[in-house]
Amino acid sequence: MSLVTPIICWIHLNMIRNAMISSQSMGAGISEIHFTKRELELLVLIMEGSSNEEIAQMLMISIGTVKRYIHNIYQKLEVKNRVQAVKKIKENHLIRRCLL
């Protein structure tokens, strides 16, 4: 397991702060999905390819807590794994980056 430096945490947290739920059309069969702030933070890190361990380190939470949040995200997206979650997020434009 690699250690996450404070600057990497700062960069990731700033990227998370700049993420938002898209208010654009979400595609056929996708109703409006509401994520908590923490779920949104995890989604961004998942989309960047972070492991559960890396997410736990960056957000200073336990791996069990990370797994619980991911489980809730999967239920909301109606998917079974990370690949499906990322694909659904990208295909339906559920998250977009804000340009500041």
PDB file of N, CA and C in Angstrom:
ATOM      1  N   MET A   1       0.832  -1.162   0.000  1.00  0.00           N
ATOM      2  CA  MET A   1       0.000   0.000   0.000  1.00  0.00           C
ATOM      3  C   MET A   1       0.889   1.241   0.000  1.00  0.00           C
ATOM      4  N   SER A   2       0.638   2.151  -0.919  1.00  0.00           N
ATOM      5  CA  SER A   2       1.448   3.361  -0.993  1.00  0.00           C
ATOM      6  C   SER A   2       0.843   4.458  -0.128  1.00  0.00           C
ATOM      7  N   LEU A   3       1.694   5.298   0.399  1.00  0.00           N
ATOM      8  CA  LEU A   3       1.232   6.423   1.198  1.00  0.00           C
ATOM      9  C   LEU A   3       0.851   7.568   0.279  1.00  0.00           C
ATOM     10  N   VAL A   4      -0.177   8.282   0.669  1.00  0.00           N
ATOM     11  CA  VAL A   4      -0.650   9.416  -0.110  1.00  0.00           C
ATOM     12  C   VAL A   4      -0.096  10.676   0.536  1.00  0.00           C
ATOM     13  N   THR A   5       0.603  11.472  -0.232  1.00  0.00           N
ATOM     14  CA  THR A   5       1.188  12.690   0.302  1.00  0.00           C
ATOM     15  C   THR A   5       0.120  13.767   0.468  1.00  0.00           C
ATOM     16  N   PRO A   6       0.363  14.739   1.331  1.00  0.00           N
ATOM     17  CA  PRO A   6      -0.617  15.816   1.519  1.00  0.00           C
ATOM     18  C   PRO A   6      -0.948  16.560   0.227  1.00  0.00           C
ATOM     19  N   ILE A   7       0.025  16.762  -0.635  1.00  0.00           N
ATOM     20  CA  ILE A   7      -0.256  17.487  -1.881  1.00  0.00           C
ATOM     21  C   ILE A   7      -1.177  16.693  -2.798  1.00  0.00           C
ATOM     22  N   ILE A   8      -1.004  15.363  -2.828  1.00  0.00           N
ATOM     23  CA  ILE A   8      -1.900  14.534  -3.635  1.00  0.00           C
ATOM     24  C   ILE A   8      -3.315  14.614  -3.068  1.00  0.00           C
ATOM     25  N   CYS A   9      -3.443  14.555  -1.743  1.00  0.00           N
ATOM     26  CA  CYS A   9      -4.757  14.701  -1.115  1.00  0.00           C
ATOM     27  C   CYS A   9      -5.374  16.049  -1.464  1.00  0.00           C
ATOM     28  N   TRP A  10      -4.574  17.104  -1.396  1.00  0.00           N
ATOM     29  CA  TRP A  10      -5.080  18.440  -1.706  1.00  0.00           C
ATOM     30  C   TRP A  10      -5.571  18.519  -3.143  1.00  0.00           C
ATOM     31  N   ILE A  11      -4.797  17.972  -4.070  1.00  0.00           N
ATOM     32  CA  ILE A  11      -5.179  17.985  -5.488  1.00  0.00           C
ATOM     33  C   ILE A  11      -6.487  17.232  -5.688  1.00  0.00           C
ATOM     34  N   HIS A  12      -6.578  16.028  -5.102  1.00  0.00           N
ATOM     35  CA  HIS A  12      -7.793  15.232  -5.256  1.00  0.00           C
ATOM     36  C   HIS A  12      -8.997  15.929  -4.638  1.00  0.00           C
ATOM     37  N   LEU A  13      -8.828  16.491  -3.463  1.00  0.00           N
ATOM     38  CA  LEU A  13      -9.956  17.159  -2.820  1.00  0.00           C
ATOM     39  C   LEU A  13     -10.407  18.381  -3.611  1.00  0.00           C
ATOM     40  N   ASN A  14      -9.479  19.092  -4.225  1.00  0.00           N
ATOM     41  CA  ASN A  14      -9.873  20.219  -5.076  1.00  0.00           C
ATOM     42  C   ASN A  14     -10.601  19.738  -6.321  1.00  0.00           C
ATOM     43  N   MET A  15     -10.176  18.607  -6.869  1.00  0.00           N
ATOM     44  CA  MET A  15     -10.880  18.043  -8.024  1.00  0.00           C
ATOM     45  C   MET A  15     -12.299  17.637  -7.625  1.00  0.00           C
ATOM     46  N   ILE A  16     -12.431  17.076  -6.437  1.00  0.00           N
ATOM     47  CA  ILE A  16     -13.749  16.676  -5.944  1.00  0.00           C
ATOM     48  C   ILE A  16     -14.636  17.895  -5.739  1.00  0.00           C
ATOM     49  N   ARG A  17     -14.076  18.951  -5.163  1.00  0.00           N
ATOM     50  CA  ARG A  17     -14.858  20.168  -4.947  1.00  0.00           C
ATOM     51  C   ARG A  17     -15.370  20.746  -6.260  1.00  0.00           C
ATOM     52  N   ASN A  18     -14.641  20.500  -7.349  1.00  0.00           N
ATOM     53  CA  ASN A  18     -15.036  21.040  -8.644  1.00  0.00           C
ATOM     54  C   ASN A  18     -15.953  20.107  -9.424  1.00  0.00           C
ATOM     55  N   ALA A  19     -16.309  18.989  -8.828  1.00  0.00           N
ATOM     56  CA  ALA A  19     -17.235  18.066  -9.486  1.00  0.00           C
ATOM     57  C   ALA A  19     -18.656  18.405  -9.057  1.00  0.00           C
ATOM     58  N   MET A  20     -19.614  18.165  -9.923  1.00  0.00           N
ATOM     59  CA  MET A  20     -21.002  18.417  -9.559  1.00  0.00           C
ATOM     60  C   MET A  20     -21.915  17.492 -10.320  1.00  0.00           C
ATOM     61  N   ILE A  21     -23.100  17.306  -9.810  1.00  0.00           N
ATOM     62  CA  ILE A  21     -24.104  16.526 -10.502  1.00  0.00           C
ATOM     63  C   ILE A  21     -24.564  17.342 -11.707  1.00  0.00           C
ATOM     64  N   SER A  22     -24.622  16.707 -12.843  1.00  0.00           N
ATOM     65  CA  SER A  22     -25.059  17.384 -14.053  1.00  0.00           C
ATOM     66  C   SER A  22     -26.569  17.557 -14.035  1.00  0.00           C
ATOM     67  N   SER A  23     -27.014  18.714 -14.422  1.00  0.00           N
ATOM     68  CA  SER A  23     -28.449  18.945 -14.520  1.00  0.00           C
ATOM     69  C   SER A  23     -28.939  18.727 -15.946  1.00  0.00           C
ATOM     70  N   GLN A  24     -28.020  18.225 -16.788  1.00  0.00           N
ATOM     71  CA  GLN A  24     -28.376  17.966 -18.174  1.00  0.00           C
ATOM     72  C   GLN A  24     -29.253  16.735 -18.263  1.00  0.00           C
ATOM     73  N   SER A  25     -29.810  16.499 -19.426  1.00  0.00           N
ATOM     74  CA  SER A  25     -30.591  15.292 -19.668  1.00  0.00           C
ATOM     75  C   SER A  25     -29.738  14.076 -19.355  1.00  0.00           C
ATOM     76  N   MET A  26     -30.344  13.107 -18.677  1.00  0.00           N
ATOM     77  CA  MET A  26     -29.582  11.960 -18.231  1.00  0.00           C
ATOM     78  C   MET A  26     -29.822  10.712 -19.061  1.00  0.00           C
ATOM     79  N   GLY A  27     -30.513  10.807 -20.161  1.00  0.00           N
ATOM     80  CA  GLY A  27     -30.684   9.646 -21.017  1.00  0.00           C
ATOM     81  C   GLY A  27     -31.907   8.826 -20.649  1.00  0.00           C
ATOM     82  N   ALA A  28     -32.304   7.965 -21.557  1.00  0.00           N
ATOM     83  CA  ALA A  28     -33.484   7.135 -21.382  1.00  0.00           C
ATOM     84  C   ALA A  28     -33.305   6.181 -20.220  1.00  0.00           C
ATOM     85  N   GLY A  29     -34.345   6.062 -19.399  1.00  0.00           N
ATOM     86  CA  GLY A  29     -34.325   5.106 -18.309  1.00  0.00           C
ATOM     87  C   GLY A  29     -33.565   5.555 -17.076  1.00  0.00           C
ATOM     88  N   ILE A  30     -32.950   6.720 -17.105  1.00  0.00           N
ATOM     89  CA  ILE A  30     -32.204   7.212 -15.945  1.00  0.00           C
ATOM     90  C   ILE A  30     -33.005   8.346 -15.326  1.00  0.00           C
ATOM     91  N   SER A  31     -33.511   8.103 -14.128  1.00  0.00           N
ATOM     92  CA  SER A  31     -34.196   9.186 -13.424  1.00  0.00           C
ATOM     93  C   SER A  31     -33.135  10.010 -12.696  1.00  0.00           C
ATOM     94  N   GLU A  32     -33.543  11.113 -12.149  1.00  0.00           N
ATOM     95  CA  GLU A  32     -32.583  11.954 -11.449  1.00  0.00           C
ATOM     96  C   GLU A  32     -32.044  11.193 -10.242  1.00  0.00           C
ATOM     97  N   ILE A  33     -30.747  11.089 -10.145  1.00  0.00           N
ATOM     98  CA  ILE A  33     -30.096  10.374  -9.058  1.00  0.00           C
ATOM     99  C   ILE A  33     -29.461  11.402  -8.138  1.00  0.00           C
ATOM    100  N   HIS A  34     -29.715  11.273  -6.853  1.00  0.00           N
ATOM    101  CA  HIS A  34     -29.139  12.199  -5.878  1.00  0.00           C
ATOM    102  C   HIS A  34     -28.065  11.480  -5.085  1.00  0.00           C
ATOM    103  N   PHE A  35     -26.849  12.015  -5.157  1.00  0.00           N
ATOM    104  CA  PHE A  35     -25.732  11.488  -4.384  1.00  0.00           C
ATOM    105  C   PHE A  35     -25.456  12.429  -3.229  1.00  0.00           C
ATOM    106  N   THR A  36     -25.033  11.864  -2.103  1.00  0.00           N
ATOM    107  CA  THR A  36     -24.578  12.710  -1.006  1.00  0.00           C
ATOM    108  C   THR A  36     -23.224  13.299  -1.400  1.00  0.00           C
ATOM    109  N   LYS A  37     -22.795  14.296  -0.655  1.00  0.00           N
ATOM    110  CA  LYS A  37     -21.488  14.901  -0.934  1.00  0.00           C
ATOM    111  C   LYS A  37     -20.390  13.845  -0.855  1.00  0.00           C
ATOM    112  N   ARG A  38     -20.458  12.980   0.156  1.00  0.00           N
ATOM    113  CA  ARG A  38     -19.429  11.951   0.334  1.00  0.00           C
ATOM    114  C   ARG A  38     -19.475  10.932  -0.801  1.00  0.00           C
ATOM    115  N   GLU A  39     -20.673  10.541  -1.230  1.00  0.00           N
ATOM    116  CA  GLU A  39     -20.789   9.614  -2.365  1.00  0.00           C
ATOM    117  C   GLU A  39     -20.182  10.226  -3.616  1.00  0.00           C
ATOM    118  N   LEU A  40     -20.407  11.502  -3.796  1.00  0.00           N
ATOM    119  CA  LEU A  40     -19.842  12.197  -4.952  1.00  0.00           C
ATOM    120  C   LEU A  40     -18.325  12.218  -4.877  1.00  0.00           C
ATOM    121  N   GLU A  41     -17.780  12.438  -3.692  1.00  0.00           N
ATOM    122  CA  GLU A  41     -16.328  12.397  -3.515  1.00  0.00           C
ATOM    123  C   GLU A  41     -15.785  11.026  -3.913  1.00  0.00           C
ATOM    124  N   LEU A  42     -16.445   9.975  -3.460  1.00  0.00           N
ATOM    125  CA  LEU A  42     -16.000   8.624  -3.803  1.00  0.00           C
ATOM    126  C   LEU A  42     -16.137   8.352  -5.286  1.00  0.00           C
ATOM    127  N   LEU A  43     -17.220   8.809  -5.891  1.00  0.00           N
ATOM    128  CA  LEU A  43     -17.412   8.592  -7.327  1.00  0.00           C
ATOM    129  C   LEU A  43     -16.279   9.194  -8.140  1.00  0.00           C
ATOM    130  N   VAL A  44     -15.887  10.393  -7.803  1.00  0.00           N
ATOM    131  CA  VAL A  44     -14.793  11.047  -8.525  1.00  0.00           C
ATOM    132  C   VAL A  44     -13.514  10.231  -8.381  1.00  0.00           C
ATOM    133  N   LEU A  45     -13.224   9.779  -7.169  1.00  0.00           N
ATOM    134  CA  LEU A  45     -12.011   8.996  -6.940  1.00  0.00           C
ATOM    135  C   LEU A  45     -12.082   7.640  -7.646  1.00  0.00           C
ATOM    136  N   ILE A  46     -13.246   7.028  -7.668  1.00  0.00           N
ATOM    137  CA  ILE A  46     -13.427   5.766  -8.405  1.00  0.00           C
ATOM    138  C   ILE A  46     -13.175   5.992  -9.880  1.00  0.00           C
ATOM    139  N   MET A  47     -13.712   7.075 -10.418  1.00  0.00           N
ATOM    140  CA  MET A  47     -13.542   7.367 -11.846  1.00  0.00           C
ATOM    141  C   MET A  47     -12.081   7.637 -12.182  1.00  0.00           C
ATOM    142  N   GLU A  48     -11.303   8.086 -11.198  1.00  0.00           N
ATOM    143  CA  GLU A  48      -9.875   8.328 -11.413  1.00  0.00           C
ATOM    144  C   GLU A  48      -9.060   7.056 -11.246  1.00  0.00           C
ATOM    145  N   GLY A  49      -9.728   5.958 -10.857  1.00  0.00           N
ATOM    146  CA  GLY A  49      -9.039   4.682 -10.737  1.00  0.00           C
ATOM    147  C   GLY A  49      -8.450   4.390  -9.365  1.00  0.00           C
ATOM    148  N   SER A  50      -8.859   5.146  -8.357  1.00  0.00           N
ATOM    149  CA  SER A  50      -8.344   4.916  -7.006  1.00  0.00           C
ATOM    150  C   SER A  50      -8.895   3.618  -6.431  1.00  0.00           C
ATOM    151  N   SER A  51      -8.052   2.926  -5.668  1.00  0.00           N
ATOM    152  CA  SER A  51      -8.478   1.694  -4.997  1.00  0.00           C
ATOM    153  C   SER A  51      -9.212   2.047  -3.705  1.00  0.00           C
ATOM    154  N   ASN A  52      -9.874   1.055  -3.119  1.00  0.00           N
ATOM    155  CA  ASN A  52     -10.546   1.280  -1.837  1.00  0.00           C
ATOM    156  C   ASN A  52      -9.564   1.777  -0.786  1.00  0.00           C
ATOM    157  N   GLU A  53      -8.375   1.192  -0.766  1.00  0.00           N
ATOM    158  CA  GLU A  53      -7.362   1.583   0.212  1.00  0.00           C
ATOM    159  C   GLU A  53      -6.931   3.034   0.006  1.00  0.00           C
ATOM    160  N   GLU A  54      -6.711   3.418  -1.244  1.00  0.00           N
ATOM    161  CA  GLU A  54      -6.314   4.802  -1.541  1.00  0.00           C
ATOM    162  C   GLU A  54      -7.419   5.776  -1.157  1.00  0.00           C
ATOM    163  N   ILE A  55      -8.670   5.407  -1.444  1.00  0.00           N
ATOM    164  CA  ILE A  55      -9.802   6.268  -1.095  1.00  0.00           C
ATOM    165  C   ILE A  55      -9.874   6.439   0.421  1.00  0.00           C
ATOM    166  N   ALA A  56      -9.726   5.336   1.154  1.00  0.00           N
ATOM    167  CA  ALA A  56      -9.768   5.388   2.617  1.00  0.00           C
ATOM    168  C   ALA A  56      -8.686   6.322   3.157  1.00  0.00           C
ATOM    169  N   GLN A  57      -7.472   6.225   2.601  1.00  0.00           N
ATOM    170  CA  GLN A  57      -6.379   7.100   3.036  1.00  0.00           C
ATOM    171  C   GLN A  57      -6.679   8.560   2.734  1.00  0.00           C
ATOM    172  N   MET A  58      -7.132   8.840   1.518  1.00  0.00           N
ATOM    173  CA  MET A  58      -7.374  10.225   1.117  1.00  0.00           C
ATOM    174  C   MET A  58      -8.486  10.874   1.921  1.00  0.00           C
ATOM    175  N   LEU A  59      -9.533  10.118   2.202  1.00  0.00           N
ATOM    176  CA  LEU A  59     -10.686  10.684   2.905  1.00  0.00           C
ATOM    177  C   LEU A  59     -10.640  10.442   4.410  1.00  0.00           C
ATOM    178  N   MET A  60      -9.589   9.749   4.856  1.00  0.00           N
ATOM    179  CA  MET A  60      -9.393   9.446   6.271  1.00  0.00           C
ATOM    180  C   MET A  60     -10.601   8.735   6.882  1.00  0.00           C
ATOM    181  N   ILE A  61     -11.033   7.670   6.186  1.00  0.00           N
ATOM    182  CA  ILE A  61     -12.117   6.822   6.666  1.00  0.00           C
ATOM    183  C   ILE A  61     -11.659   5.371   6.549  1.00  0.00           C
ATOM    184  N   SER A  62     -12.376   4.457   7.175  1.00  0.00           N
ATOM    185  CA  SER A  62     -11.978   3.050   7.129  1.00  0.00           C
ATOM    186  C   SER A  62     -12.341   2.427   5.780  1.00  0.00           C
ATOM    187  N   ILE A  63     -11.675   1.342   5.456  1.00  0.00           N
ATOM    188  CA  ILE A  63     -11.974   0.622   4.216  1.00  0.00           C
ATOM    189  C   ILE A  63     -13.409   0.104   4.246  1.00  0.00           C
ATOM    190  N   GLY A  64     -13.867  -0.326   5.422  1.00  0.00           N
ATOM    191  CA  GLY A  64     -15.254  -0.782   5.558  1.00  0.00           C
ATOM    192  C   GLY A  64     -16.248   0.314   5.208  1.00  0.00           C
ATOM    193  N   THR A  65     -15.940   1.541   5.629  1.00  0.00           N
ATOM    194  CA  THR A  65     -16.808   2.678   5.312  1.00  0.00           C
ATOM    195  C   THR A  65     -16.790   2.957   3.809  1.00  0.00           C
ATOM    196  N   VAL A  66     -15.614   2.861   3.198  1.00  0.00           N
ATOM    197  CA  VAL A  66     -15.505   3.036   1.746  1.00  0.00           C
ATOM    198  C   VAL A  66     -16.389   2.008   1.041  1.00  0.00           C
ATOM    199  N   LYS A  67     -16.299   0.765   1.469  1.00  0.00           N
ATOM    200  CA  LYS A  67     -17.095  -0.302   0.845  1.00  0.00           C
ATOM    201  C   LYS A  67     -18.594  -0.045   0.997  1.00  0.00           C
ATOM    202  N   ARG A  68     -19.008   0.467   2.150  1.00  0.00           N
ATOM    203  CA  ARG A  68     -20.430   0.774   2.376  1.00  0.00           C
ATOM    204  C   ARG A  68     -20.886   1.882   1.430  1.00  0.00           C
ATOM    205  N   TYR A  69     -20.097   2.941   1.297  1.00  0.00           N
ATOM    206  CA  TYR A  69     -20.454   4.021   0.368  1.00  0.00           C
ATOM    207  C   TYR A  69     -20.524   3.499  -1.065  1.00  0.00           C
ATOM    208  N   ILE A  70     -19.566   2.679  -1.454  1.00  0.00           N
ATOM    209  CA  ILE A  70     -19.561   2.138  -2.814  1.00  0.00           C
ATOM    210  C   ILE A  70     -20.789   1.269  -3.048  1.00  0.00           C
ATOM    211  N   HIS A  71     -21.154   0.480  -2.062  1.00  0.00           N
ATOM    212  CA  HIS A  71     -22.362  -0.341  -2.164  1.00  0.00           C
ATOM    213  C   HIS A  71     -23.591   0.541  -2.408  1.00  0.00           C
ATOM    214  N   ASN A  72     -23.704   1.644  -1.652  1.00  0.00           N
ATOM    215  CA  ASN A  72     -24.828   2.561  -1.823  1.00  0.00           C
ATOM    216  C   ASN A  72     -24.823   3.205  -3.209  1.00  0.00           C
ATOM    217  N   ILE A  73     -23.640   3.550  -3.691  1.00  0.00           N
ATOM    218  CA  ILE A  73     -23.517   4.134  -5.032  1.00  0.00           C
ATOM    219  C   ILE A  73     -23.987   3.136  -6.084  1.00  0.00           C
ATOM    220  N   TYR A  74     -23.538   1.890  -5.965  1.00  0.00           N
ATOM    221  CA  TYR A  74     -23.938   0.850  -6.916  1.00  0.00           C
ATOM    222  C   TYR A  74     -25.457   0.675  -6.920  1.00  0.00           C
ATOM    223  N   GLN A  75     -26.071   0.716  -5.751  1.00  0.00           N
ATOM    224  CA  GLN A  75     -27.527   0.579  -5.681  1.00  0.00           C
ATOM    225  C   GLN A  75     -28.218   1.734  -6.392  1.00  0.00           C
ATOM    226  N   LYS A  76     -27.750   2.941  -6.161  1.00  0.00           N
ATOM    227  CA  LYS A  76     -28.361   4.109  -6.808  1.00  0.00           C
ATOM    228  C   LYS A  76     -28.209   4.057  -8.315  1.00  0.00           C
ATOM    229  N   LEU A  77     -27.057   3.578  -8.777  1.00  0.00           N
ATOM    230  CA  LEU A  77     -26.805   3.504 -10.225  1.00  0.00           C
ATOM    231  C   LEU A  77     -27.364   2.234 -10.851  1.00  0.00           C
ATOM    232  N   GLU A  78     -27.780   1.288 -10.002  1.00  0.00           N
ATOM    233  CA  GLU A  78     -28.278  -0.012 -10.459  1.00  0.00           C
ATOM    234  C   GLU A  78     -27.212  -0.750 -11.262  1.00  0.00           C
ATOM    235  N   VAL A  79     -26.007  -0.832 -10.670  1.00  0.00           N
ATOM    236  CA  VAL A  79     -24.880  -1.544 -11.281  1.00  0.00           C
ATOM    237  C   VAL A  79     -24.290  -2.499 -10.256  1.00  0.00           C
ATOM    238  N   LYS A  80     -23.363  -3.354 -10.714  1.00  0.00           N
ATOM    239  CA  LYS A  80     -22.788  -4.368  -9.837  1.00  0.00           C
ATOM    240  C   LYS A  80     -21.290  -4.207  -9.595  1.00  0.00           C
ATOM    241  N   ASN A  81     -20.613  -3.330 -10.358  1.00  0.00           N
ATOM    242  CA  ASN A  81     -19.172  -3.179 -10.166  1.00  0.00           C
ATOM    243  C   ASN A  81     -18.700  -1.808 -10.642  1.00  0.00           C
ATOM    244  N   ARG A  82     -17.413  -1.536 -10.423  1.00  0.00           N
ATOM    245  CA  ARG A  82     -16.829  -0.237 -10.768  1.00  0.00           C
ATOM    246  C   ARG A  82     -16.884   0.052 -12.258  1.00  0.00           C
ATOM    247  N   VAL A  83     -16.593  -0.956 -13.041  1.00  0.00           N
ATOM    248  CA  VAL A  83     -16.588  -0.752 -14.496  1.00  0.00           C
ATOM    249  C   VAL A  83     -17.971  -0.304 -14.956  1.00  0.00           C
ATOM    250  N   GLN A  84     -19.005  -0.981 -14.488  1.00  0.00           N
ATOM    251  CA  GLN A  84     -20.366  -0.606 -14.862  1.00  0.00           C
ATOM    252  C   GLN A  84     -20.725   0.783 -14.339  1.00  0.00           C
ATOM    253  N   ALA A  85     -20.282   1.096 -13.118  1.00  0.00           N
ATOM    254  CA  ALA A  85     -20.579   2.402 -12.532  1.00  0.00           C
ATOM    255  C   ALA A  85     -19.947   3.527 -13.351  1.00  0.00           C
ATOM    256  N   VAL A  86     -18.668   3.385 -13.662  1.00  0.00           N
ATOM    257  CA  VAL A  86     -17.972   4.416 -14.435  1.00  0.00           C
ATOM    258  C   VAL A  86     -18.599   4.550 -15.820  1.00  0.00           C
ATOM    259  N   LYS A  87     -18.911   3.429 -16.438  1.00  0.00           N
ATOM    260  CA  LYS A  87     -19.534   3.463 -17.761  1.00  0.00           C
ATOM    261  C   LYS A  87     -20.872   4.201 -17.723  1.00  0.00           C
ATOM    262  N   LYS A  88     -21.690   3.903 -16.725  1.00  0.00           N
ATOM    263  CA  LYS A  88     -23.004   4.542 -16.618  1.00  0.00           C
ATOM    264  C   LYS A  88     -22.877   6.035 -16.346  1.00  0.00           C
ATOM    265  N   ILE A  89     -21.939   6.400 -15.478  1.00  0.00           N
ATOM    266  CA  ILE A  89     -21.703   7.814 -15.174  1.00  0.00           C
ATOM    267  C   ILE A  89     -21.303   8.562 -16.443  1.00  0.00           C
ATOM    268  N   LYS A  90     -20.357   7.997 -17.193  1.00  0.00           N
ATOM    269  CA  LYS A  90     -19.867   8.667 -18.402  1.00  0.00           C
ATOM    270  C   LYS A  90     -20.925   8.707 -19.498  1.00  0.00           C
ATOM    271  N   GLU A  91     -21.597   7.594 -19.727  1.00  0.00           N
ATOM    272  CA  GLU A  91     -22.588   7.526 -20.808  1.00  0.00           C
ATOM    273  C   GLU A  91     -23.754   8.475 -20.577  1.00  0.00           C
ATOM    274  N   ASN A  92     -24.129   8.665 -19.326  1.00  0.00           N
ATOM    275  CA  ASN A  92     -25.306   9.477 -19.008  1.00  0.00           C
ATOM    276  C   ASN A  92     -24.965  10.861 -18.483  1.00  0.00           C
ATOM    277  N   HIS A  93     -23.671  11.205 -18.516  1.00  0.00           N
ATOM    278  CA  HIS A  93     -23.224  12.545 -18.106  1.00  0.00           C
ATOM    279  C   HIS A  93     -23.746  12.904 -16.718  1.00  0.00           C
ATOM    280  N   LEU A  94     -23.662  11.956 -15.771  1.00  0.00           N
ATOM    281  CA  LEU A  94     -24.163  12.195 -14.432  1.00  0.00           C
ATOM    282  C   LEU A  94     -23.260  13.100 -13.618  1.00  0.00           C
ATOM    283  N   ILE A  95     -21.999  13.139 -13.966  1.00  0.00           N
ATOM    284  CA  ILE A  95     -21.058  14.034 -13.295  1.00  0.00           C
ATOM    285  C   ILE A  95     -20.287  14.769 -14.371  1.00  0.00           C
ATOM    286  N   ARG A  96     -20.078  16.042 -14.147  1.00  0.00           N
ATOM    287  CA  ARG A  96     -19.224  16.791 -15.083  1.00  0.00           C
ATOM    288  C   ARG A  96     -18.296  17.676 -14.276  1.00  0.00           C
ATOM    289  N   ARG A  97     -17.207  18.013 -14.870  1.00  0.00           N
ATOM    290  CA  ARG A  97     -16.247  18.911 -14.213  1.00  0.00           C
ATOM    291  C   ARG A  97     -16.674  20.361 -14.504  1.00  0.00           C
ATOM    292  N   CYS A  98     -16.577  21.177 -13.483  1.00  0.00           N
ATOM    293  CA  CYS A  98     -16.835  22.607 -13.658  1.00  0.00           C
ATOM    294  C   CYS A  98     -15.545  23.283 -14.064  1.00  0.00           C
ATOM    295  N   LEU A  99     -15.611  24.137 -14.998  1.00  0.00           N
ATOM    296  CA  LEU A  99     -14.422  24.901 -15.404  1.00  0.00           C
ATOM    297  C   LEU A  99     -14.472  26.228 -14.678  1.00  0.00           C
ATOM    298  N   LEU A 100     -13.447  26.503 -13.884  1.00  0.00           N
ATOM    299  CA  LEU A 100     -13.423  27.761 -13.098  1.00  0.00           C
ATOM    300  C   LEU A 100     -12.569  28.785 -13.775  1.00  0.00           C
TER     301      LEU A 100
END
